[in-house]
Amino acid sequence: MQIAVKPFRTLIFALTLAALGCHAQTPTQTAADGPGKLSPELVRRVEVMIRSHAPIPAGYVIQVGPRTKSEVPGFDKISVSFLSDGKSSKPTDFLISTDGNTLAQFSKFDISKDPKLLVSGDGRPARGGPANAPVLIVGFDDLECPYCAKMHEQLFPALTERYKDQIHIVYRDFPLDQHPWAMRAAIDTNCVGAKSATGYWNLVDYIHAHAADLGGAEKSLAKANEALDTLTRDEGKKQNLDADALNACIAKQDATAIKESIKLGESLGVDSTPALFINGEKVEGAQPVEDVYRMIDSALVASGQTPPPPPTKTPIQAQPQTPPATKPGN
């Protein structure tokens, strides 16, 4: 368990108006409660400090609870709530030094869980080593994103050549709203991927390599969609998939799984593509391949594995200056 104590002046205050929504009224201790009560003068200093660092409306009553024991040496804990129209906000904990001269907050981070479990590769077509490989790389991908295509072309061949069975690579879908055929591409590739990992990656490889050509010179959405469906059917034939079932999947265009993937990405802070998670460590945008090597090597060492020797030749570089594609408004 890691604890970071923040000086009050550097606090990015959580008690904004958005956090002051109405809650069921919570009994709040005041300075008159219990043996750990604060003096009225100290309560006043706490209130003035809070109002000077956050946009608290004058009509909100600040309620300061008594001192209680904290886990941070030299500091006690106090709870602060805000009362308005008879309803109280959820209490927020602060630290107050035992001499009463410093107000602070602390952030506590739970590092007890393996970060590799942050995002799973289960149920997704995979490349590289087996599912139990020491390093799991999960990419959130948009098949219409040119920066994803560049990363896909340059980075992953270098990784699979260097690490072979030590890495397990999967993609999760994150089609962006500004890319009109990206959702259809995700659905169509998943129609194949549900039955053939090889077929899925063949499609992903081809679409990323030829995305600029889809839709023709006029960039017609109808032509792009038609081309995607044709590519999907052709790959299905190559993989001997049931043609009727594949056609039904293409025609249905069920986006449920894709939307769940987007929701998962957003919950992990993904708002642009490409985005990678290397045993849970997030990497956004196109990065120099040496930096990605370093992160994978670190994950291997943490797993008790020995990384490959350093490359003897200069590896292919991803383009670090290329900005990631982002959702509108980001």
Protein backbone atom coordinates (compact mmCIF):
# COMPACT_ATOMS: atom_id res chain seq x y z
CA MET A 1 0.00 0.00 0.00
CA GLN A 2 1.47 3.32 -1.09
CA ILE A 3 0.47 6.60 0.58
CA ALA A 4 1.20 9.98 -0.95
CA VAL A 5 0.72 12.98 1.31
CA LYS A 6 -0.09 16.15 -0.63
CA PRO A 7 0.41 19.67 0.69
CA PHE A 8 -2.92 21.40 0.70
CA ARG A 9 -1.75 24.08 -1.71
CA THR A 10 -1.07 21.48 -4.41
CA LEU A 11 -4.37 19.69 -4.02
CA ILE A 12 -6.51 19.38 -7.10
CA PHE A 13 -9.65 19.96 -5.13
CA ALA A 14 -12.32 17.31 -5.41
CA LEU A 15 -14.93 19.35 -3.64
CA THR A 16 -16.22 21.26 -6.64
CA LEU A 17 -19.89 21.94 -7.24
CA ALA A 18 -20.19 18.71 -9.21
CA ALA A 19 -19.15 16.77 -6.13
CA LEU A 20 -21.56 18.68 -3.94
CA GLY A 21 -24.63 16.93 -5.31
CA CYS A 22 -27.37 16.03 -2.91
CA HIS A 23 -26.96 12.87 -0.88
CA ALA A 24 -28.98 11.38 1.88
CA GLN A 25 -28.14 13.37 4.95
CA THR A 26 -25.17 11.95 6.77
CA PRO A 27 -24.76 12.53 10.49
CA THR A 28 -21.67 14.69 10.79
CA GLN A 29 -19.65 15.22 13.92
CA THR A 30 -19.04 18.82 14.91
CA ALA A 31 -16.45 20.50 17.05
CA ALA A 32 -18.61 19.90 20.09
CA ASP A 33 -18.41 16.12 19.72
CA GLY A 34 -16.09 13.82 21.63
CA PRO A 35 -12.64 14.14 23.12
CA GLY A 36 -10.99 14.91 19.75
CA LYS A 37 -12.90 18.09 19.14
CA LEU A 38 -11.23 21.03 17.42
CA SER A 39 -11.35 24.45 18.99
CA PRO A 40 -13.67 26.97 17.31
CA GLU A 41 -10.61 28.96 16.28
CA LEU A 42 -9.05 25.93 14.53
CA VAL A 43 -12.37 25.02 12.89
CA ARG A 44 -12.47 28.56 11.54
CA ARG A 45 -8.96 28.28 10.10
CA VAL A 46 -9.88 25.01 8.37
CA GLU A 47 -13.02 26.56 6.89
CA VAL A 48 -11.24 29.65 5.62
CA MET A 49 -8.50 27.53 4.02
CA ILE A 50 -11.04 25.31 2.25
CA ARG A 51 -13.05 28.26 0.93
CA SER A 52 -9.87 29.93 -0.33
CA HIS A 53 -8.90 26.87 -2.40
CA ALA A 54 -12.26 25.70 -3.77
CA PRO A 55 -15.32 27.40 -5.30
CA ILE A 56 -17.60 26.73 -2.34
CA PRO A 57 -20.78 28.85 -2.53
CA ALA A 58 -21.35 31.15 0.41
CA GLY A 59 -24.63 29.39 1.13
CA TYR A 60 -22.95 26.07 1.87
CA VAL A 61 -22.26 25.40 5.54
CA ILE A 62 -18.93 23.69 6.16
CA GLN A 63 -19.08 21.09 8.91
CA VAL A 64 -15.76 19.99 10.42
CA GLY A 65 -15.62 16.81 12.46
CA PRO A 66 -13.31 15.97 15.38
CA ARG A 67 -9.79 14.64 15.21
CA THR A 68 -9.44 10.89 14.85
CA LYS A 69 -6.35 8.76 14.55
CA SER A 70 -4.84 8.53 11.06
CA GLU A 71 -2.31 6.17 9.54
CA VAL A 72 0.03 9.03 8.62
CA PRO A 73 2.60 9.85 11.33
CA GLY A 74 2.31 13.39 12.65
CA PHE A 75 -1.23 13.87 11.35
CA ASP A 76 -4.74 13.25 12.62
CA LYS A 77 -7.79 12.85 10.41
CA ILE A 78 -10.81 15.13 10.20
CA SER A 79 -13.93 14.76 8.07
CA VAL A 80 -15.44 17.72 6.28
CA SER A 81 -18.99 17.86 4.93
CA PHE A 82 -21.04 20.56 3.22
CA LEU A 83 -24.61 21.28 4.22
CA SER A 84 -27.09 22.94 1.88
CA ASP A 85 -30.90 22.99 1.91
CA GLY A 86 -30.95 20.46 4.71
CA LYS A 87 -28.84 17.89 2.88
CA SER A 88 -25.22 17.01 3.44
CA SER A 89 -22.52 16.01 0.98
CA LYS A 90 -20.58 12.82 1.44
CA PRO A 91 -17.84 13.47 4.03
CA THR A 92 -14.34 14.04 2.70
CA ASP A 93 -11.31 13.20 4.81
CA PHE A 94 -8.48 15.65 5.42
CA LEU A 95 -5.30 15.39 7.44
CA ILE A 96 -4.46 17.96 10.08
CA SER A 97 -1.05 18.04 11.68
CA THR A 98 -0.88 17.32 15.37
CA ASP A 99 0.29 20.91 15.98
CA GLY A 100 -2.71 22.23 14.05
CA ASN A 101 -0.61 24.19 11.56
CA THR A 102 -0.95 22.10 8.37
CA LEU A 103 -3.98 20.85 6.46
CA ALA A 104 -3.42 18.17 3.79
CA GLN A 105 -4.97 15.26 1.96
CA PHE A 106 -3.47 11.91 1.12
CA SER A 107 -3.99 9.54 -1.76
CA LYS A 108 -3.85 5.84 -1.08
CA PHE A 109 -3.18 3.44 -3.94
CA ASP A 110 -3.86 -0.27 -3.74
CA ILE A 111 -0.99 -2.10 -5.45
CA SER A 112 -1.88 -5.51 -4.06
CA LYS A 113 -3.27 -6.75 -7.39
CA ASP A 114 -1.25 -7.85 -10.40
CA PRO A 115 -1.61 -5.01 -12.96
CA LYS A 116 -1.66 -7.65 -15.69
CA LEU A 117 -5.22 -8.40 -14.56
CA LEU A 118 -6.33 -4.81 -15.23
CA VAL A 119 -7.50 -5.67 -18.74
CA SER A 120 -8.00 -9.21 -19.98
CA GLY A 121 -7.27 -10.78 -23.33
CA ASP A 122 -9.81 -13.55 -22.78
CA GLY A 123 -12.05 -14.37 -25.71
CA ARG A 124 -10.05 -12.37 -28.23
CA PRO A 125 -8.09 -13.66 -31.26
CA ALA A 126 -4.43 -13.64 -30.34
CA ARG A 127 -0.97 -13.44 -31.85
CA GLY A 128 2.40 -14.33 -30.45
CA GLY A 129 2.78 -16.70 -27.54
CA PRO A 130 0.14 -18.67 -25.63
CA ALA A 131 -2.47 -17.17 -23.33
CA ASN A 132 -0.21 -17.86 -20.33
CA ALA A 133 2.76 -16.00 -21.84
CA PRO A 134 4.48 -13.82 -19.23
CA VAL A 135 3.53 -10.57 -20.99
CA LEU A 136 0.03 -9.71 -22.19
CA ILE A 137 -0.24 -6.82 -24.65
CA VAL A 138 -3.77 -5.52 -25.18
CA GLY A 139 -4.22 -2.91 -27.89
CA PHE A 140 -7.32 -0.73 -28.21
CA ASP A 141 -7.58 -0.36 -31.97
CA ASP A 142 -9.53 1.63 -34.56
CA LEU A 143 -9.26 0.09 -38.01
CA GLU A 144 -9.79 3.47 -39.72
CA CYS A 145 -7.16 5.24 -37.61
CA PRO A 146 -4.00 5.98 -39.65
CA TYR A 147 -1.84 6.14 -36.51
CA CYS A 148 -3.09 2.70 -35.47
CA ALA A 149 -2.19 1.45 -38.95
CA LYS A 150 1.32 2.85 -38.64
CA MET A 151 1.82 1.25 -35.24
CA HIS A 152 0.34 -2.03 -36.47
CA GLU A 153 2.69 -2.09 -39.45
CA GLN A 154 5.88 -1.07 -37.66
CA LEU A 155 5.63 -2.06 -34.03
CA PHE A 156 4.07 -5.49 -33.88
CA PRO A 157 6.35 -7.23 -36.40
CA ALA A 158 9.30 -5.95 -34.38
CA LEU A 159 7.78 -7.19 -31.12
CA THR A 160 6.85 -10.66 -32.37
CA GLU A 161 10.29 -11.07 -33.93
CA ARG A 162 12.07 -10.04 -30.75
CA TYR A 163 9.94 -11.68 -28.08
CA LYS A 164 8.34 -14.61 -29.88
CA ASP A 165 6.39 -16.75 -27.36
CA GLN A 166 7.10 -14.41 -24.43
CA ILE A 167 4.27 -12.06 -25.46
CA HIS A 168 0.57 -12.64 -26.08
CA ILE A 169 -1.04 -9.93 -28.24
CA VAL A 170 -4.74 -9.18 -28.56
CA TYR A 171 -6.74 -6.27 -29.91
CA ARG A 172 -9.87 -4.79 -28.40
CA ASP A 173 -12.11 -2.54 -30.45
CA PHE A 174 -12.22 1.20 -29.94
CA PRO A 175 -13.71 2.73 -33.12
CA LEU A 176 -13.86 6.51 -32.89
CA ASP A 177 -16.96 8.50 -33.77
CA GLN A 178 -15.16 10.57 -36.41
CA HIS A 179 -14.28 7.48 -38.43
CA PRO A 180 -17.45 6.54 -40.35
CA TRP A 181 -16.65 2.95 -41.31
CA ALA A 182 -14.57 1.97 -38.26
CA MET A 183 -17.54 0.42 -36.44
CA ARG A 184 -18.47 -1.75 -39.42
CA ALA A 185 -14.86 -2.85 -39.78
CA ALA A 186 -14.79 -3.86 -36.10
CA ILE A 187 -18.03 -5.82 -36.42
CA ASP A 188 -17.00 -7.56 -39.65
CA THR A 189 -13.57 -8.60 -38.36
CA ASN A 190 -15.19 -9.94 -35.21
CA CYS A 191 -17.62 -11.98 -37.30
CA VAL A 192 -14.58 -13.82 -38.65
CA GLY A 193 -12.63 -13.69 -35.39
CA ALA A 194 -15.36 -15.54 -33.53
CA LYS A 195 -14.44 -18.63 -35.57
CA SER A 196 -10.89 -18.06 -36.81
CA ALA A 197 -8.04 -16.18 -35.18
CA THR A 198 -6.00 -16.53 -38.35
CA GLY A 199 -8.82 -15.06 -40.42
CA TYR A 200 -9.26 -12.21 -37.97
CA TRP A 201 -5.61 -11.16 -38.11
CA ASN A 202 -5.51 -11.55 -41.90
CA LEU A 203 -8.40 -9.08 -42.13
CA VAL A 204 -6.90 -6.68 -39.59
CA ASP A 205 -3.58 -6.74 -41.44
CA TYR A 206 -5.23 -6.04 -44.78
CA ILE A 207 -7.60 -3.32 -43.58
CA HIS A 208 -4.84 -1.45 -41.75
CA ALA A 209 -2.61 -1.67 -44.81
CA HIS A 210 -5.30 -0.51 -47.26
CA ALA A 211 -7.53 1.74 -45.17
CA ALA A 212 -6.72 4.79 -47.30
CA ASP A 213 -8.11 3.02 -50.38
CA LEU A 214 -11.44 1.98 -48.89
CA GLY A 215 -14.30 4.06 -50.23
CA GLY A 216 -12.48 4.96 -53.44
CA ALA A 217 -11.27 8.36 -54.50
CA GLU A 218 -14.56 9.94 -53.43
CA LYS A 219 -14.30 8.35 -49.95
CA SER A 220 -17.78 6.92 -50.23
CA LEU A 221 -19.05 5.33 -47.02
CA ALA A 222 -21.30 2.98 -48.98
CA LYS A 223 -18.34 1.77 -51.06
CA ALA A 224 -16.17 1.36 -47.95
CA ASN A 225 -18.84 -0.71 -46.22
CA GLU A 226 -19.33 -2.83 -49.34
CA ALA A 227 -15.59 -3.43 -49.61
CA LEU A 228 -15.37 -4.42 -45.94
CA ASP A 229 -18.19 -6.92 -46.31
CA THR A 230 -16.59 -8.40 -49.44
CA LEU A 231 -13.20 -8.71 -47.74
CA THR A 232 -14.86 -10.43 -44.79
CA ARG A 233 -16.71 -12.94 -46.97
CA ASP A 234 -13.55 -13.68 -48.97
CA GLU A 235 -11.57 -14.31 -45.77
CA GLY A 236 -14.37 -16.52 -44.51
CA LYS A 237 -14.04 -18.65 -47.64
CA LYS A 238 -10.27 -18.93 -47.15
CA GLN A 239 -10.83 -20.14 -43.58
CA ASN A 240 -13.67 -22.52 -44.60
CA LEU A 241 -16.18 -20.75 -42.36
CA ASP A 242 -19.90 -21.40 -42.59
CA ALA A 243 -20.96 -18.91 -45.29
CA ASP A 244 -24.59 -18.64 -44.15
CA ALA A 245 -23.61 -17.93 -40.54
CA LEU A 246 -20.98 -15.40 -41.62
CA ASN A 247 -23.41 -13.62 -43.96
CA ALA A 248 -25.99 -13.46 -41.17
CA CYS A 249 -23.41 -11.92 -38.82
CA ILE A 250 -22.41 -9.35 -41.42
CA ALA A 251 -26.03 -8.46 -42.17
CA LYS A 252 -26.99 -8.13 -38.51
CA GLN A 253 -24.24 -5.59 -37.70
CA ASP A 254 -24.63 -6.22 -33.98
CA ALA A 255 -22.48 -3.60 -32.22
CA THR A 256 -23.12 -4.87 -28.68
CA ALA A 257 -19.67 -6.39 -28.16
CA ILE A 258 -17.96 -3.40 -29.74
CA LYS A 259 -19.77 -0.97 -27.44
CA GLU A 260 -18.76 -3.06 -24.43
CA SER A 261 -15.15 -2.88 -25.59
CA ILE A 262 -15.42 0.90 -25.92
CA LYS A 263 -16.93 1.09 -22.45
CA LEU A 264 -14.07 -0.99 -21.05
CA GLY A 265 -11.51 1.23 -22.71
CA GLU A 266 -13.13 4.38 -21.37
CA SER A 267 -13.16 2.90 -17.87
CA LEU A 268 -9.39 2.48 -18.23
CA GLY A 269 -8.90 6.08 -19.33
CA VAL A 270 -8.62 5.39 -23.06
CA ASP A 271 -9.79 8.34 -25.14
CA SER A 272 -7.51 8.05 -28.15
CA THR A 273 -6.01 5.42 -30.41
CA PRO A 274 -3.69 3.63 -30.49
CA ALA A 275 -3.54 2.68 -26.82
CA LEU A 276 -1.67 -0.31 -25.44
CA PHE A 277 -1.64 -2.03 -22.07
CA ILE A 278 1.55 -4.00 -21.41
CA ASN A 279 0.78 -6.20 -18.40
CA GLY A 280 -1.50 -3.37 -17.33
CA GLU A 281 0.91 -0.48 -18.02
CA LYS A 282 -0.75 2.04 -20.32
CA VAL A 283 0.98 3.39 -23.42
CA GLU A 284 -0.80 5.95 -25.61
CA GLY A 285 0.07 7.07 -29.09
CA ALA A 286 2.88 5.93 -31.36
CA GLN A 287 6.05 5.50 -29.32
CA PRO A 288 9.67 4.70 -30.20
CA VAL A 289 10.00 0.96 -30.25
CA GLU A 290 12.93 1.13 -27.79
CA ASP A 291 10.59 2.55 -25.16
CA VAL A 292 8.14 -0.29 -25.73
CA TYR A 293 11.00 -2.79 -25.51
CA ARG A 294 11.99 -1.32 -22.16
CA MET A 295 8.45 -1.68 -20.80
CA ILE A 296 8.16 -5.27 -22.00
CA ASP A 297 11.60 -6.12 -20.60
CA SER A 298 10.54 -4.68 -17.23
CA ALA A 299 7.37 -6.78 -17.29
CA LEU A 300 9.39 -9.89 -18.12
CA VAL A 301 11.84 -9.30 -15.27
CA ALA A 302 8.93 -8.75 -12.87
CA SER A 303 7.53 -12.10 -14.03
CA GLY A 304 10.84 -13.85 -13.33
CA GLN A 305 11.73 -14.12 -17.02
CA THR A 306 14.89 -13.12 -18.87
CA PRO A 307 14.41 -10.58 -21.68
CA PRO A 308 16.08 -11.22 -25.04
CA PRO A 309 19.50 -9.64 -25.56
CA PRO A 310 19.51 -6.08 -26.90
CA PRO A 311 19.00 -5.81 -30.65
CA THR A 312 22.21 -5.72 -32.64
CA LYS A 313 20.76 -3.49 -35.33
CA THR A 314 18.69 -0.33 -35.20
CA PRO A 315 15.05 -1.38 -35.00
CA ILE A 316 12.27 0.13 -37.05
CA GLN A 317 11.03 3.27 -35.39
CA ALA A 318 7.44 4.15 -34.76
CA GLN A 319 6.83 7.85 -35.26
CA PRO A 320 6.87 9.53 -31.84
CA GLN A 321 5.86 12.89 -33.26
CA THR A 322 2.58 11.50 -34.59
CA PRO A 323 -0.36 12.49 -32.39
CA PRO A 324 -2.92 9.83 -31.51
CA ALA A 325 -6.39 9.95 -32.97
CA THR A 326 -8.81 11.17 -30.34
CA LYS A 327 -12.48 11.38 -29.72
CA PRO A 328 -14.10 14.70 -30.61
CA GLY A 329 -13.69 17.17 -27.78
CA ASN A 330 -10.40 15.66 -26.53
